[in-house]
């Protein structure tokens, strides 16, 4: 089993009506602006939980989709190409003072799902305003990537291959945000922004999605009977990936001063869980090689480290506890066998074999789509 954390998709946004701000020169441009607002409104209503549409009507409007997550992904896929087209045409006239005033009037505001101050604010989430259309694009894409990840978790029990693909797609979108979208906002250093609107957080999320994709791939490999030696390396590959994510967070302490403690616990708990699983498989591997004493030493070390890392969140603690119990059962079996048959010395510390990682998951590149329609503004 994997640890799950769905908080990244719980963003909220304030209303935007594009045609009330941008002055269209022709009916086609006005129609495009109205459609943009319409497409965004259904996203707002869904993420802000302000829609009065019944489940049956929502299902019918989406073409029969029963998954709420899939319906939101569909809405975003209809909105993003229109937004990309608006940004393309605004960039052509971005130096015009009137256009700059229009963007200011939009009051683009999004909340953070990973900020501790937003999570525990009794008056509701804190909203961050940045007067840049790429902020709107970035936060919308962030929501899209977070929902791809959520959908990957949703279908995990039924379709391992598709789940791994969705995790890789989500990783690619986060990568695109880190490299192509949010760096353009870095010039506004003095503007307070949500954690999600930083390249480093998008890199962290991209790495987490790769780790989750690899975890799903391991489950498939386990079903196929992959050798325990390789499984040990694949699990430790996840530990190494999450170590990279942790290093990014702790190297940007100023940027991450308001980060949610539950998000940090999720990363550290996943990292520890896969290290424990790696040590279990390593113990099995050396046992097959008739090094029973070494296997016992590896398991003892695994249990000491694992018990130190028990998470506080109940569902994660339960999964972790089952893994510890399985390792303890294996240890008892190996200790008995060593005591009555092999009589091997039990190594410890530096005498134990080092864990080696193998990282095989890679991101699927995100390619933005733009609805190519000419827009003309009164400037």
Protein backbone atom coordinates (compact mmCIF):
# COMPACT_ATOMS: atom_id res chain seq x y z
CA UNK A 1 0.00 0.00 0.00
CA UNK A 2 1.00 3.62 -0.61
CA UNK A 3 0.56 6.66 1.61
CA UNK A 4 -1.88 9.17 0.08
CA UNK A 5 -1.99 12.95 0.44
CA UNK A 6 -4.69 14.78 -1.55
CA UNK A 7 -4.26 18.29 -0.11
CA UNK A 8 -2.36 19.77 -3.14
CA UNK A 9 -5.56 19.85 -5.25
CA UNK A 10 -7.57 21.79 -2.63
CA UNK A 11 -6.99 25.23 -4.17
CA UNK A 12 -9.58 28.02 -4.28
CA UNK A 13 -9.88 31.14 -6.42
CA UNK A 14 -11.85 34.38 -6.60
CA UNK A 15 -14.20 35.16 -9.49
CA UNK A 16 -12.88 36.62 -12.75
CA UNK A 17 -15.06 38.05 -15.55
CA UNK A 18 -12.79 38.77 -18.52
CA UNK A 19 -15.32 40.65 -20.70
CA UNK A 20 -16.00 43.14 -17.86
CA UNK A 21 -12.36 44.21 -17.95
CA UNK A 22 -10.96 43.71 -21.46
CA UNK A 23 -12.42 45.96 -24.15
CA UNK A 24 -13.11 43.91 -27.31
CA UNK A 25 -12.87 45.52 -30.75
CA UNK A 26 -15.10 42.96 -32.49
CA UNK A 27 -17.86 40.42 -31.68
CA UNK A 28 -15.52 37.42 -32.11
CA UNK A 29 -13.13 38.75 -29.46
CA UNK A 30 -16.04 39.51 -27.11
CA UNK A 31 -17.36 35.98 -27.62
CA UNK A 32 -13.92 34.54 -26.79
CA UNK A 33 -13.75 36.57 -23.57
CA UNK A 34 -17.25 35.48 -22.56
CA UNK A 35 -16.40 31.84 -23.21
CA UNK A 36 -13.23 32.22 -21.12
CA UNK A 37 -15.30 33.56 -18.22
CA UNK A 38 -17.89 30.82 -18.63
CA UNK A 39 -15.26 28.06 -18.67
CA UNK A 40 -13.55 29.56 -15.64
CA UNK A 41 -16.78 29.98 -13.71
CA UNK A 42 -17.52 26.24 -13.70
CA UNK A 43 -13.98 25.63 -12.38
CA UNK A 44 -14.47 28.28 -9.66
CA UNK A 45 -17.79 26.75 -8.61
CA UNK A 46 -16.27 23.29 -8.38
CA UNK A 47 -13.10 24.12 -6.42
CA UNK A 48 -14.89 26.67 -4.21
CA UNK A 49 -17.73 24.18 -3.68
CA UNK A 50 -20.27 26.86 -4.58
CA UNK A 51 -22.13 25.03 -7.36
CA UNK A 52 -25.85 24.32 -6.99
CA UNK A 53 -25.88 21.76 -9.82
CA UNK A 54 -27.03 18.30 -8.76
CA UNK A 55 -24.82 15.24 -9.20
CA UNK A 56 -27.08 13.88 -11.95
CA UNK A 57 -26.97 17.13 -13.97
CA UNK A 58 -23.18 17.43 -13.49
CA UNK A 59 -22.77 13.89 -14.78
CA UNK A 60 -24.98 14.60 -17.80
CA UNK A 61 -23.18 17.88 -18.61
CA UNK A 62 -19.82 16.07 -18.60
CA UNK A 63 -20.97 13.39 -21.02
CA UNK A 64 -21.62 10.76 -18.38
CA UNK A 65 -18.43 11.05 -16.29
CA UNK A 66 -19.05 9.65 -12.81
CA UNK A 67 -15.72 10.76 -11.30
CA UNK A 68 -15.75 14.29 -9.84
CA UNK A 69 -11.99 14.43 -10.42
CA UNK A 70 -12.38 13.53 -14.11
CA UNK A 71 -15.10 16.16 -14.54
CA UNK A 72 -12.79 18.84 -13.12
CA UNK A 73 -9.97 17.72 -15.41
CA UNK A 74 -12.35 18.02 -18.37
CA UNK A 75 -13.28 21.59 -17.33
CA UNK A 76 -9.62 22.57 -17.08
CA UNK A 77 -8.82 21.03 -20.47
CA UNK A 78 -11.56 23.20 -22.00
CA UNK A 79 -10.36 26.38 -20.26
CA UNK A 80 -6.59 26.17 -20.68
CA UNK A 81 -6.39 26.47 -24.53
CA UNK A 82 -8.61 29.59 -24.38
CA UNK A 83 -6.41 31.11 -21.67
CA UNK A 84 -3.23 30.30 -23.63
CA UNK A 85 -4.72 32.16 -26.62
CA UNK A 86 -5.58 35.22 -24.52
CA UNK A 87 -2.04 35.33 -23.11
CA UNK A 88 -0.56 34.99 -26.61
CA UNK A 89 -2.50 38.05 -27.85
CA UNK A 90 -2.01 40.10 -24.67
CA UNK A 91 1.76 39.53 -24.96
CA UNK A 92 1.65 41.25 -28.36
CA UNK A 93 0.38 44.48 -26.75
CA UNK A 94 1.67 44.00 -23.18
CA UNK A 95 3.57 47.32 -23.13
CA UNK A 96 0.32 49.26 -23.60
CA UNK A 97 -0.68 51.07 -20.38
CA UNK A 98 -4.37 50.30 -20.86
CA UNK A 99 -3.68 46.57 -21.13
CA UNK A 100 -1.63 46.69 -17.93
CA UNK A 101 -4.57 48.40 -16.19
CA UNK A 102 -6.94 45.68 -17.44
CA UNK A 103 -4.76 42.96 -15.94
CA UNK A 104 -4.66 44.88 -12.66
CA UNK A 105 -8.48 45.11 -12.68
CA UNK A 106 -8.82 41.32 -13.05
CA UNK A 107 -7.57 40.91 -9.45
CA UNK A 108 -6.28 37.37 -10.04
CA UNK A 109 -6.42 35.70 -6.63
CA UNK A 110 -5.70 32.13 -5.59
CA UNK A 111 -5.36 30.40 -2.24
CA UNK A 112 -2.62 27.99 -1.15
CA UNK A 113 -3.32 24.37 -0.24
CA UNK A 114 0.14 23.82 1.27
CA UNK A 115 0.41 26.86 3.53
CA UNK A 116 -0.13 26.27 7.24
CA UNK A 117 -1.66 29.75 7.69
CA UNK A 118 -4.27 29.00 5.00
CA UNK A 119 -5.10 25.55 6.40
CA UNK A 120 -5.76 26.74 9.96
CA UNK A 121 -7.40 30.11 9.25
CA UNK A 122 -10.89 30.10 10.80
CA UNK A 123 -11.99 32.93 8.49
CA UNK A 124 -11.27 30.84 5.42
CA UNK A 125 -8.22 30.53 3.17
CA UNK A 126 -5.84 33.40 2.55
CA UNK A 127 -5.85 34.60 -1.06
CA UNK A 128 -2.74 35.82 -2.89
CA UNK A 129 -3.03 38.36 -5.72
CA UNK A 130 -0.46 38.71 -8.49
CA UNK A 131 -1.30 40.97 -11.43
CA UNK A 132 0.00 38.76 -14.20
CA UNK A 133 -1.90 36.47 -16.57
CA UNK A 134 0.86 33.89 -16.22
CA UNK A 135 -0.04 33.63 -12.54
CA UNK A 136 -3.56 32.62 -13.63
CA UNK A 137 -2.08 30.17 -16.14
CA UNK A 138 0.36 28.76 -13.59
CA UNK A 139 -2.16 28.22 -10.81
CA UNK A 140 -4.66 26.69 -13.24
CA UNK A 141 -1.98 24.32 -14.53
CA UNK A 142 -0.95 23.53 -10.96
CA UNK A 143 -4.55 22.56 -10.21
CA UNK A 144 -4.60 20.46 -13.38
CA UNK A 145 -1.42 18.60 -12.37
CA UNK A 146 -2.68 18.08 -8.81
CA UNK A 147 -5.93 16.62 -10.18
CA UNK A 148 -4.03 14.32 -12.57
CA UNK A 149 -2.19 13.05 -9.49
CA UNK A 150 -5.48 12.68 -7.60
CA UNK A 151 -6.98 10.73 -10.52
CA UNK A 152 -3.91 8.46 -10.54
CA UNK A 153 -4.60 7.66 -6.87
CA UNK A 154 -8.32 7.18 -7.61
CA UNK A 155 -7.77 4.50 -10.27
CA UNK A 156 -4.80 2.85 -8.54
CA UNK A 157 -6.76 -0.20 -7.27
CA UNK A 158 -8.17 -0.94 -10.74
CA UNK A 159 -5.45 -0.02 -13.26
CA UNK A 160 -1.78 0.09 -12.24
CA UNK A 161 -0.48 0.93 -15.73
CA UNK A 162 -2.82 3.90 -16.27
CA UNK A 163 -2.21 5.11 -12.71
CA UNK A 164 1.57 5.18 -13.28
CA UNK A 165 1.04 7.04 -16.58
CA UNK A 166 -1.09 9.71 -14.89
CA UNK A 167 1.53 10.21 -12.17
CA UNK A 168 4.13 10.71 -14.93
CA UNK A 169 1.84 13.15 -16.76
CA UNK A 170 1.34 15.13 -13.55
CA UNK A 171 5.11 15.19 -13.04
CA UNK A 172 5.53 16.59 -16.56
CA UNK A 173 3.04 19.41 -15.92
CA UNK A 174 4.77 20.35 -12.65
CA UNK A 175 8.10 20.26 -14.51
CA UNK A 176 6.68 22.61 -17.18
CA UNK A 177 5.54 25.00 -14.44
CA UNK A 178 8.96 24.95 -12.77
CA UNK A 179 10.88 25.55 -15.99
CA UNK A 180 8.59 27.58 -18.25
CA UNK A 181 5.78 29.35 -16.37
CA UNK A 182 6.65 30.44 -12.84
CA UNK A 183 10.22 31.68 -13.49
CA UNK A 184 8.62 34.61 -15.36
CA UNK A 185 6.94 35.69 -12.09
CA UNK A 186 10.19 35.76 -10.13
CA UNK A 187 10.83 39.40 -11.11
CA UNK A 188 8.02 40.43 -8.75
CA UNK A 189 10.10 39.44 -5.70
CA UNK A 190 8.30 41.74 -3.28
CA UNK A 191 4.86 40.29 -4.05
CA UNK A 192 3.63 37.70 -1.57
CA UNK A 193 2.74 34.51 -3.39
CA UNK A 194 1.40 31.04 -2.59
CA UNK A 195 3.97 28.25 -2.29
CA UNK A 196 2.42 26.69 -5.39
CA UNK A 197 3.56 29.67 -7.50
CA UNK A 198 7.27 29.01 -6.97
CA UNK A 199 9.49 26.99 -9.34
CA UNK A 200 11.04 25.06 -6.44
CA UNK A 201 7.68 23.82 -5.09
CA UNK A 202 6.70 22.69 -8.59
CA UNK A 203 9.99 20.80 -8.78
CA UNK A 204 9.22 19.18 -5.41
CA UNK A 205 5.76 18.14 -6.63
CA UNK A 206 7.22 16.80 -9.89
CA UNK A 207 9.66 14.62 -7.91
CA UNK A 208 6.87 13.38 -5.60
CA UNK A 209 4.82 12.32 -8.65
CA UNK A 210 7.82 10.44 -10.05
CA UNK A 211 8.27 8.67 -6.71
CA UNK A 212 4.58 7.72 -6.75
CA UNK A 213 4.82 6.51 -10.36
CA UNK A 214 7.77 4.31 -9.37
CA UNK A 215 5.82 2.96 -6.37
CA UNK A 216 3.00 1.90 -8.71
CA UNK A 217 5.54 0.33 -11.10
CA UNK A 218 6.95 -1.66 -8.17
CA UNK A 219 3.50 -3.05 -7.41
CA UNK A 220 3.29 -4.27 -11.00
CA UNK A 221 6.79 -5.73 -10.73
CA UNK A 222 5.82 -7.54 -7.52
CA UNK A 223 2.85 -9.09 -9.31
CA UNK A 224 5.19 -10.35 -12.05
CA UNK A 225 7.56 -11.92 -9.53
CA UNK A 226 10.53 -9.59 -10.06
CA UNK A 227 13.64 -10.60 -8.09
CA UNK A 228 13.84 -9.30 -4.53
CA UNK A 229 17.25 -7.77 -5.21
CA UNK A 230 15.81 -5.50 -7.90
CA UNK A 231 12.75 -4.66 -5.78
CA UNK A 232 15.08 -3.53 -2.97
CA UNK A 233 16.83 -1.16 -5.40
CA UNK A 234 13.54 0.20 -6.79
CA UNK A 235 12.18 0.96 -3.33
CA UNK A 236 15.41 2.70 -2.35
CA UNK A 237 15.19 4.66 -5.61
CA UNK A 238 11.96 6.16 -4.23
CA UNK A 239 13.74 6.99 -0.97
CA UNK A 240 16.45 8.78 -2.96
CA UNK A 241 13.88 10.74 -5.00
CA UNK A 242 12.10 11.90 -1.85
CA UNK A 243 15.47 12.78 -0.36
CA UNK A 244 15.97 15.15 -3.31
CA UNK A 245 12.56 16.73 -2.64
CA UNK A 246 13.40 17.14 1.06
CA UNK A 247 16.73 18.78 0.22
CA UNK A 248 14.96 21.37 -1.97
CA UNK A 249 12.51 22.23 0.82
CA UNK A 250 15.19 22.64 3.48
CA UNK A 251 17.51 24.62 1.20
CA UNK A 252 14.78 27.27 0.74
CA UNK A 253 13.81 27.90 4.37
CA UNK A 254 12.72 31.51 3.69
CA UNK A 255 10.43 30.45 0.85
CA UNK A 256 9.01 27.52 2.82
CA UNK A 257 8.64 29.14 6.25
CA UNK A 258 4.82 28.76 6.10
CA UNK A 259 4.72 25.23 4.66
CA UNK A 260 2.19 22.77 6.08
CA UNK A 261 3.67 20.35 8.62
CA UNK A 262 1.42 17.55 7.28
CA UNK A 263 2.98 17.96 3.82
CA UNK A 264 6.47 17.63 5.31
CA UNK A 265 5.35 14.61 7.32
CA UNK A 266 3.95 13.03 4.15
CA UNK A 267 7.32 13.31 2.37
CA UNK A 268 9.35 12.05 5.34
CA UNK A 269 6.91 9.18 6.05
CA UNK A 270 6.93 8.01 2.42
CA UNK A 271 10.72 8.21 2.37
CA UNK A 272 11.00 6.11 5.55
CA UNK A 273 8.35 3.60 4.42
CA UNK A 274 10.13 2.80 1.16
CA UNK A 275 13.49 2.58 2.93
CA UNK A 276 11.94 0.02 5.29
CA UNK A 277 10.58 -1.95 2.32
CA UNK A 278 13.97 -1.74 0.61
CA UNK A 279 15.70 -3.20 3.68
CA UNK A 280 13.12 -6.01 3.87
CA UNK A 281 13.79 -7.01 0.27
CA UNK A 282 17.54 -6.67 0.80
CA UNK A 283 17.26 -9.05 3.77
CA UNK A 284 15.39 -11.56 1.60
CA UNK A 285 18.02 -11.19 -1.11
CA UNK A 286 21.01 -11.89 1.17
CA UNK A 287 19.08 -14.74 2.83
CA UNK A 288 18.69 -16.36 -0.60
CA UNK A 289 22.48 -16.06 -0.87
CA UNK A 290 22.71 -18.04 2.40
CA UNK A 291 23.88 -15.04 4.44
CA UNK A 292 21.32 -15.50 7.18
CA UNK A 293 23.31 -13.56 9.78
CA UNK A 294 23.51 -10.55 7.46
CA UNK A 295 19.77 -10.81 6.76
CA UNK A 296 19.07 -10.71 10.51
CA UNK A 297 21.32 -7.65 10.91
CA UNK A 298 19.60 -5.85 8.03
CA UNK A 299 16.14 -6.49 9.50
CA UNK A 300 17.16 -5.41 13.00
CA UNK A 301 18.50 -2.17 11.56
CA UNK A 302 15.34 -1.73 9.46
CA UNK A 303 13.08 -2.07 12.50
CA UNK A 304 15.10 0.35 14.63
CA UNK A 305 14.93 3.00 11.90
CA UNK A 306 11.30 2.25 10.98
CA UNK A 307 9.95 2.56 14.53
CA UNK A 308 11.70 5.94 14.85
CA UNK A 309 9.83 7.26 11.80
CA UNK A 310 6.24 6.26 12.68
CA UNK A 311 3.93 9.03 11.33
CA UNK A 312 1.28 10.75 13.42
CA UNK A 313 -1.50 10.65 10.80
CA UNK A 314 -3.65 7.60 11.59
CA UNK A 315 -4.07 6.08 8.09
CA UNK A 316 -0.33 6.43 7.37
CA UNK A 317 0.51 5.01 10.81
CA UNK A 318 -1.65 1.96 10.08
CA UNK A 319 0.15 1.22 6.79
CA UNK A 320 3.53 1.81 8.44
CA UNK A 321 2.57 -0.44 11.37
CA UNK A 322 1.66 -3.33 9.07
CA UNK A 323 5.03 -3.01 7.33
CA UNK A 324 6.85 -3.04 10.68
CA UNK A 325 4.86 -6.10 11.80
CA UNK A 326 5.76 -7.94 8.58
CA UNK A 327 9.45 -7.08 9.04
CA UNK A 328 9.30 -8.23 12.69
CA UNK A 329 7.73 -11.57 11.66
CA UNK A 330 10.45 -12.07 9.06
CA UNK A 331 13.13 -11.21 11.62
CA UNK A 332 11.82 -13.80 14.11
CA UNK A 333 11.82 -16.45 11.40
CA UNK A 334 15.38 -15.63 10.31
CA UNK A 335 16.66 -15.42 13.91
CA UNK A 336 15.23 -18.87 14.69
CA UNK A 337 16.76 -20.34 11.55
CA UNK A 338 20.14 -18.79 12.33
CA UNK A 339 20.04 -19.97 15.94
CA UNK A 340 19.20 -23.61 15.13
CA UNK A 341 20.85 -24.11 11.72
CA UNK A 342 23.45 -21.55 10.63
CA UNK A 343 24.94 -20.04 13.82
CA UNK A 344 26.24 -17.03 11.88
CA UNK A 345 27.56 -13.84 13.46
CA UNK A 346 25.05 -10.95 13.30
CA UNK A 347 26.70 -7.87 11.76
CA UNK A 348 25.64 -4.31 12.61
CA UNK A 349 26.37 -0.70 11.68
CA UNK A 350 29.03 -0.31 9.00
CA UNK A 351 29.30 -4.09 8.65
CA UNK A 352 25.87 -4.20 6.97
CA UNK A 353 25.52 -3.95 3.17
CA UNK A 354 24.68 -0.48 1.87
CA UNK A 355 21.36 0.15 0.16
CA UNK A 356 21.52 0.98 -3.54
CA UNK A 357 18.82 2.83 -5.47
CA UNK A 358 17.48 2.48 -8.98
CA UNK A 359 15.30 5.32 -10.34
CA UNK A 360 13.32 4.27 -13.42
CA UNK A 361 10.30 6.63 -13.52
CA UNK A 362 10.48 9.62 -15.85
CA UNK A 363 8.13 12.53 -16.49
CA UNK A 364 5.95 12.71 -19.59
CA UNK A 365 6.54 16.16 -21.16
CA UNK A 366 3.59 18.57 -21.10
CA UNK A 367 2.78 20.29 -24.40
CA UNK A 368 0.51 23.35 -24.02
CA UNK A 369 -2.45 23.62 -26.38
CA UNK A 370 -3.68 26.97 -27.69
CA UNK A 371 -7.02 27.64 -29.36
CA UNK A 372 -5.79 29.78 -32.26
CA UNK A 373 -8.39 32.52 -32.66
CA UNK A 374 -7.43 36.13 -33.45
CA UNK A 375 -8.29 38.61 -30.72
CA UNK A 376 -8.53 42.39 -31.14
CA UNK A 377 -8.72 44.88 -28.29
CA UNK A 378 -9.66 48.57 -28.14
CA UNK A 379 -6.38 50.14 -27.14
